[in-house]
Amino acid sequence: MTAPVPIKSGAELLEEYDRLTAELRRALRTTRELQQKWQACRDQIKRRTDSAASGWDVSVHVHDTSPHVPLGTA
């Protein structure tokens, strides 16, 4: 036989509701952030694909601008 389920008070239920709501909000925020990053990656790939098809080179170059390397020589 299964053990009886304890009955929670109204305060306990509200506390659990608040906790679950906060957890859901965090998950939704993370989902939105991931969707935005995914869309940005897709857009960048599309731009690169389109430019490659048109013959333009739009590669991104990152230059080291730290103090030990003069600007423009990285």
Protein backbone atom coordinates (compact mmCIF):
# COMPACT_ATOMS: atom_id res chain seq x y z
CA MET A 1 0.00 0.00 0.00
CA THR A 2 1.26 3.50 -0.73
CA ALA A 3 2.11 5.97 1.97
CA PRO A 4 -0.41 8.75 2.55
CA VAL A 5 0.37 12.07 0.90
CA PRO A 6 0.88 14.78 3.50
CA ILE A 7 -1.56 17.65 3.31
CA LYS A 8 0.17 21.00 2.87
CA SER A 9 -0.98 24.22 4.44
CA GLY A 10 -1.97 27.23 2.37
CA ALA A 11 1.31 28.96 3.25
CA GLU A 12 3.31 25.90 2.12
CA LEU A 13 1.38 25.75 -1.13
CA LEU A 14 1.97 29.47 -1.78
CA GLU A 15 5.68 29.06 -1.04
CA GLU A 16 5.92 26.11 -3.44
CA TYR A 17 3.95 28.04 -6.08
CA ASP A 18 6.33 31.01 -5.77
CA ARG A 19 9.37 28.74 -6.01
CA LEU A 20 8.04 26.94 -9.08
CA THR A 21 7.02 30.23 -10.71
CA ALA A 22 10.53 31.65 -10.19
CA GLU A 23 12.06 28.47 -11.62
CA LEU A 24 9.78 28.67 -14.66
CA ARG A 25 10.67 32.34 -15.24
CA ARG A 26 14.40 31.48 -15.14
CA ALA A 27 13.87 28.67 -17.63
CA LEU A 28 11.87 30.92 -19.96
CA ARG A 29 14.53 33.66 -19.77
CA THR A 30 17.24 31.11 -20.61
CA THR A 31 15.14 29.82 -23.50
CA ARG A 32 14.69 33.34 -24.90
CA GLU A 33 18.42 34.04 -24.59
CA LEU A 34 19.27 30.81 -26.39
CA GLN A 35 16.74 31.59 -29.13
CA GLN A 36 18.31 35.03 -29.64
CA LYS A 37 21.82 33.56 -29.82
CA TRP A 38 20.63 30.87 -32.24
CA GLN A 39 18.97 33.47 -34.47
CA ALA A 40 22.11 35.65 -34.44
CA CYS A 41 24.21 32.64 -35.51
CA ARG A 42 21.74 31.78 -38.27
CA ASP A 43 21.77 35.38 -39.49
CA GLN A 44 25.56 35.46 -39.53
CA ILE A 45 25.75 32.17 -41.44
CA LYS A 46 23.20 33.46 -43.95
CA ARG A 47 25.15 36.70 -44.46
CA ARG A 48 28.37 34.77 -44.99
CA THR A 49 26.69 32.34 -47.36
CA ASP A 50 25.08 35.17 -49.33
CA SER A 51 28.33 37.13 -49.53
CA ALA A 52 30.30 34.03 -50.56
CA ALA A 53 27.78 33.41 -53.33
CA SER A 54 28.19 37.00 -54.50
CA GLY A 55 31.98 36.84 -54.38
CA TRP A 56 32.44 39.28 -51.48
CA ASP A 57 34.76 38.39 -48.60
CA VAL A 58 33.17 39.38 -45.30
CA SER A 59 35.26 37.31 -42.92
CA VAL A 60 35.65 38.69 -39.46
CA HIS A 61 39.18 39.38 -38.26
CA VAL A 62 39.96 39.88 -34.60
CA HIS A 63 43.02 41.97 -33.80
CA ASP A 64 44.92 41.78 -30.54
CA THR A 65 44.93 45.33 -29.18
CA SER A 66 46.63 44.53 -25.90
CA PRO A 67 49.36 46.99 -24.81
CA HIS A 68 52.23 44.67 -25.78
CA VAL A 69 51.16 44.63 -29.44
CA PRO A 70 51.13 47.91 -31.41
CA LEU A 71 47.78 48.68 -33.03
CA GLY A 72 47.40 47.41 -36.56
CA THR A 73 50.21 44.85 -36.34
CA ALA A 74 48.31 41.91 -34.88
